Amino acid sequence: MKYLVYITIVLFNLNSCKAQKITKMNEDIDIPKITNEFETFNVKGFNKEQVNGELRKSENEIFYIYLEYSKGFSEAIYPKNSYFNLTKNYYKNGNIEIKGTSFNNGSEYGIWYEFSEEGKLIKEINTDDGYSFGWKEILEYCDKKNIKLEEGYPKQGGIKTEIYKNEESGSKVWKITYYDYDKMQLIEVTLDGKTGKELKKIELELED
């Protein structure tokens, strides 16, 4: 399931960026928290500062992007020291349409909230449903295998580790694509979504 159909980023109240934490070895991983509360987009403020329908800002080690697109507005926030980001899409009237948390260069995390154009919460989607081997275990797996993860807003260039949920033969799986610097090889590994068992590991060709 993909909700990041649009490029996104946020005019986000820092108070709502309180992070829940999970522990990976001796390090805390910040996962920006998002709520089911109704929100509106500051259309007037955006229109004053935007250039060609886009506005980018950096404040308190957090990177923000605001965009206007065909259906309305979009915003996202990338905390500097987090592997996760927040996404919010708004209708043309400025009311929130959908919002949630995602892994940088990867799939959605936790509960996503969808609203009607009038501002009523109409759906809560648990994007982690069916994954007993969850994000905490995925991060621990990457740490153990020395798989490099990117924090904050994705930098230009280079090979990015991508982590996506998928389904194969009716079973939930994880797909991790990363660069093995020891072997100088691009790798794709498939893990069972319930047990974390390694189901498949293949070498990929680098695109020119």
Protein backbone atom coordinates (compact mmCIF):
# COMPACT_ATOMS: atom_id res chain seq x y z
CA MET A 1 0.00 0.00 0.00
CA LYS A 2 1.47 3.34 -0.99
CA TYR A 3 0.28 6.71 0.34
CA LEU A 4 3.34 8.66 -0.78
CA VAL A 5 1.80 9.18 -4.20
CA TYR A 6 2.69 12.86 -4.02
CA ILE A 7 5.98 14.48 -3.11
CA THR A 8 5.43 15.85 0.41
CA ILE A 9 6.64 17.85 3.47
CA VAL A 10 5.46 19.98 6.48
CA LEU A 11 4.62 23.27 8.07
CA PHE A 12 4.69 21.38 11.32
CA ASN A 13 4.15 22.49 14.89
CA LEU A 14 7.28 21.39 16.74
CA ASN A 15 5.19 20.51 19.77
CA SER A 16 3.53 17.80 17.72
CA CYS A 17 6.96 16.43 16.79
CA LYS A 18 7.37 14.77 20.16
CA ALA A 19 9.08 11.52 19.38
CA GLN A 20 8.40 8.08 20.64
CA LYS A 21 11.56 6.06 21.03
CA ILE A 22 12.65 2.52 20.50
CA THR A 23 16.01 1.14 21.53
CA LYS A 24 18.48 -0.27 19.03
CA MET A 25 21.50 -1.60 20.91
CA ASN A 26 22.65 1.39 23.01
CA GLU A 27 21.16 4.02 20.72
CA ASP A 28 17.73 5.69 20.80
CA ILE A 29 15.86 5.87 17.50
CA ASP A 30 13.48 8.81 17.17
CA ILE A 31 10.18 8.10 15.43
CA PRO A 32 8.21 11.34 14.96
CA LYS A 33 4.77 10.99 16.48
CA ILE A 34 1.61 11.87 14.60
CA THR A 35 -1.97 12.09 15.95
CA ASN A 36 -5.50 11.71 14.59
CA GLU A 37 -6.29 15.37 15.30
CA PHE A 38 -7.79 17.58 12.58
CA GLU A 39 -5.35 20.10 11.05
CA THR A 40 -5.35 22.84 8.45
CA PHE A 41 -2.69 24.07 6.07
CA ASN A 42 -1.60 27.72 6.25
CA VAL A 43 -2.49 28.54 2.66
CA LYS A 44 -1.99 32.32 2.97
CA GLY A 45 1.39 31.93 4.63
CA PHE A 46 2.50 29.44 1.99
CA ASN A 47 1.38 31.67 -0.89
CA LYS A 48 3.43 34.57 0.48
CA GLU A 49 6.69 32.61 0.53
CA GLN A 50 6.41 29.90 -2.11
CA VAL A 51 8.33 29.93 -5.37
CA ASN A 52 6.84 27.95 -8.24
CA GLY A 53 4.54 26.11 -5.83
CA GLU A 54 7.31 25.02 -3.48
CA LEU A 55 8.80 26.17 -0.18
CA ARG A 56 11.74 24.66 1.71
CA LYS A 57 12.92 25.52 5.20
CA SER A 58 15.37 24.31 7.80
CA GLU A 59 14.85 25.06 11.48
CA ASN A 60 16.18 23.52 14.70
CA GLU A 61 17.87 20.70 12.75
CA ILE A 62 14.57 19.82 11.05
CA PHE A 63 14.07 20.07 7.31
CA TYR A 64 10.66 21.11 5.97
CA ILE A 65 9.16 20.99 2.46
CA TYR A 66 5.82 22.49 1.43
CA LEU A 67 4.29 21.87 -1.99
CA GLU A 68 1.21 22.76 -4.00
CA TYR A 69 -0.04 20.10 -6.41
CA SER A 70 -3.17 19.31 -8.42
CA LYS A 71 -5.28 18.02 -5.51
CA GLY A 72 -4.22 20.60 -2.94
CA PHE A 73 -1.16 20.93 -0.73
CA SER A 74 1.44 18.60 0.68
CA GLU A 75 3.98 18.88 3.46
CA ALA A 76 6.65 16.73 5.09
CA ILE A 77 9.16 17.00 7.91
CA TYR A 78 12.53 15.31 8.24
CA PRO A 79 14.12 15.44 11.72
CA LYS A 80 17.90 15.45 11.34
CA ASN A 81 18.62 12.44 13.55
CA SER A 82 15.71 10.21 12.56
CA TYR A 83 15.29 7.40 10.05
CA PHE A 84 11.63 8.41 9.73
CA ASN A 85 9.72 11.38 8.33
CA LEU A 86 6.19 12.77 8.52
CA THR A 87 3.86 13.26 5.55
CA LYS A 88 0.66 15.31 5.36
CA ASN A 89 -1.57 15.97 2.35
CA TYR A 90 -4.29 18.63 2.38
CA TYR A 91 -7.33 19.36 0.25
CA LYS A 92 -7.53 22.61 -1.74
CA ASN A 93 -9.58 24.13 1.10
CA GLY A 94 -6.63 23.58 3.44
CA ASN A 95 -8.21 20.77 5.47
CA ILE A 96 -6.12 17.69 6.18
CA GLU A 97 -6.65 14.76 3.79
CA ILE A 98 -4.21 12.10 5.02
CA LYS A 99 -1.18 12.00 7.31
CA GLY A 100 1.28 9.49 8.69
CA THR A 101 4.89 8.48 9.31
CA SER A 102 7.21 6.77 6.83
CA PHE A 103 10.68 5.30 6.80
CA ASN A 104 13.19 7.42 4.87
CA ASN A 105 13.46 5.84 1.40
CA GLY A 106 10.84 3.24 2.29
CA SER A 107 7.43 2.12 3.47
CA GLU A 108 4.89 3.66 5.79
CA TYR A 109 5.12 3.18 9.56
CA GLY A 110 2.31 2.69 12.08
CA ILE A 111 -1.16 4.23 11.84
CA TRP A 112 -2.10 6.54 8.97
CA TYR A 113 -5.15 8.81 9.29
CA GLU A 114 -7.51 9.74 6.46
CA PHE A 115 -10.07 12.58 6.59
CA SER A 116 -13.05 13.77 4.55
CA GLU A 117 -12.86 17.14 2.80
CA GLU A 118 -15.07 18.52 5.58
CA GLY A 119 -12.50 17.48 8.20
CA LYS A 120 -14.04 14.30 9.59
CA LEU A 121 -11.74 11.38 10.43
CA ILE A 122 -12.99 8.57 8.18
CA LYS A 123 -10.27 5.92 8.30
CA GLU A 124 -7.34 4.67 10.35
CA ILE A 125 -4.96 2.38 8.44
CA ASN A 126 -2.51 0.20 10.34
CA THR A 127 0.30 -0.06 7.82
CA ASP A 128 2.20 -2.50 10.06
CA ASP A 129 -0.67 -5.00 10.27
CA GLY A 130 0.56 -8.56 9.75
CA TYR A 131 4.21 -7.77 10.52
CA SER A 132 5.19 -9.48 13.78
CA PHE A 133 8.78 -8.83 12.76
CA GLY A 134 8.38 -5.08 12.86
CA TRP A 135 10.35 -1.88 12.43
CA LYS A 136 12.28 -2.29 15.69
CA GLU A 137 13.49 -5.70 14.55
CA ILE A 138 14.28 -4.37 11.06
CA LEU A 139 16.49 -1.63 12.50
CA GLU A 140 18.23 -4.15 14.73
CA TYR A 141 18.75 -6.43 11.70
CA CYS A 142 20.32 -3.58 9.73
CA ASP A 143 22.56 -2.69 12.65
CA LYS A 144 23.71 -6.31 12.98
CA LYS A 145 24.38 -6.63 9.24
CA ASN A 146 26.14 -3.23 9.04
CA ILE A 147 23.54 -1.94 6.60
CA LYS A 148 23.86 1.82 6.36
CA LEU A 149 20.66 3.81 7.00
CA GLU A 150 20.12 7.46 6.15
CA GLU A 151 19.04 9.99 8.76
CA GLY A 152 17.18 13.18 7.94
CA TYR A 153 16.33 14.54 4.52
CA PRO A 154 17.82 12.31 1.76
CA LYS A 155 21.06 13.73 0.38
CA GLN A 156 21.68 14.02 -3.33
CA GLY A 157 23.61 11.22 -5.02
CA GLY A 158 24.88 7.94 -3.68
CA ILE A 159 23.11 4.63 -3.18
CA LYS A 160 20.32 4.75 -0.61
CA THR A 161 19.20 1.83 1.52
CA GLU A 162 15.52 1.17 0.77
CA ILE A 163 13.18 -0.80 3.04
CA TYR A 164 9.72 -1.73 1.75
CA LYS A 165 6.87 -3.97 2.82
CA ASN A 166 5.64 -6.37 0.15
CA GLU A 167 3.62 -9.54 -0.32
CA GLU A 168 4.85 -12.76 -1.95
CA SER A 169 2.81 -15.95 -2.31
CA GLY A 170 0.22 -14.53 0.09
CA SER A 171 2.76 -13.80 2.83
CA LYS A 172 3.96 -10.47 4.22
CA VAL A 173 7.65 -9.83 3.57
CA TRP A 174 10.27 -7.11 3.92
CA LYS A 175 12.45 -6.09 0.96
CA ILE A 176 15.74 -4.43 1.90
CA THR A 177 17.95 -3.09 -0.86
CA TYR A 178 21.40 -1.89 0.23
CA TYR A 179 24.99 -1.54 -0.87
CA ASP A 180 27.49 -3.99 0.61
CA TYR A 181 30.69 -1.93 0.83
CA ASP A 182 32.83 -4.97 1.66
CA LYS A 183 31.71 -6.88 -1.45
CA MET A 184 31.18 -3.70 -3.52
CA GLN A 185 27.80 -5.11 -4.49
CA LEU A 186 24.17 -3.98 -4.47
CA ILE A 187 22.10 -6.52 -2.50
CA GLU A 188 18.39 -7.23 -2.13
CA VAL A 189 17.35 -9.36 0.82
CA THR A 190 13.82 -10.64 1.50
CA LEU A 191 12.77 -11.32 5.10
CA ASP A 192 9.66 -13.06 6.42
CA GLY A 193 7.32 -10.44 7.88
CA LYS A 194 6.36 -12.63 10.83
CA THR A 195 9.62 -14.33 11.80
CA GLY A 196 12.37 -12.24 10.19
CA LYS A 197 13.77 -15.36 8.53
CA GLU A 198 15.91 -14.60 5.50
CA LEU A 199 13.99 -16.00 2.54
CA LYS A 200 16.08 -14.77 -0.35
CA LYS A 201 19.24 -12.79 -1.01
CA ILE A 202 20.24 -11.70 -4.49
CA GLU A 203 22.83 -9.47 -6.12
CA LEU A 204 21.54 -6.62 -8.27
CA GLU A 205 23.06 -4.77 -11.18
CA LEU A 206 23.87 -1.12 -10.60
CA GLU A 207 22.12 1.19 -13.03
CA ASP A 208 24.28 3.57 -15.06
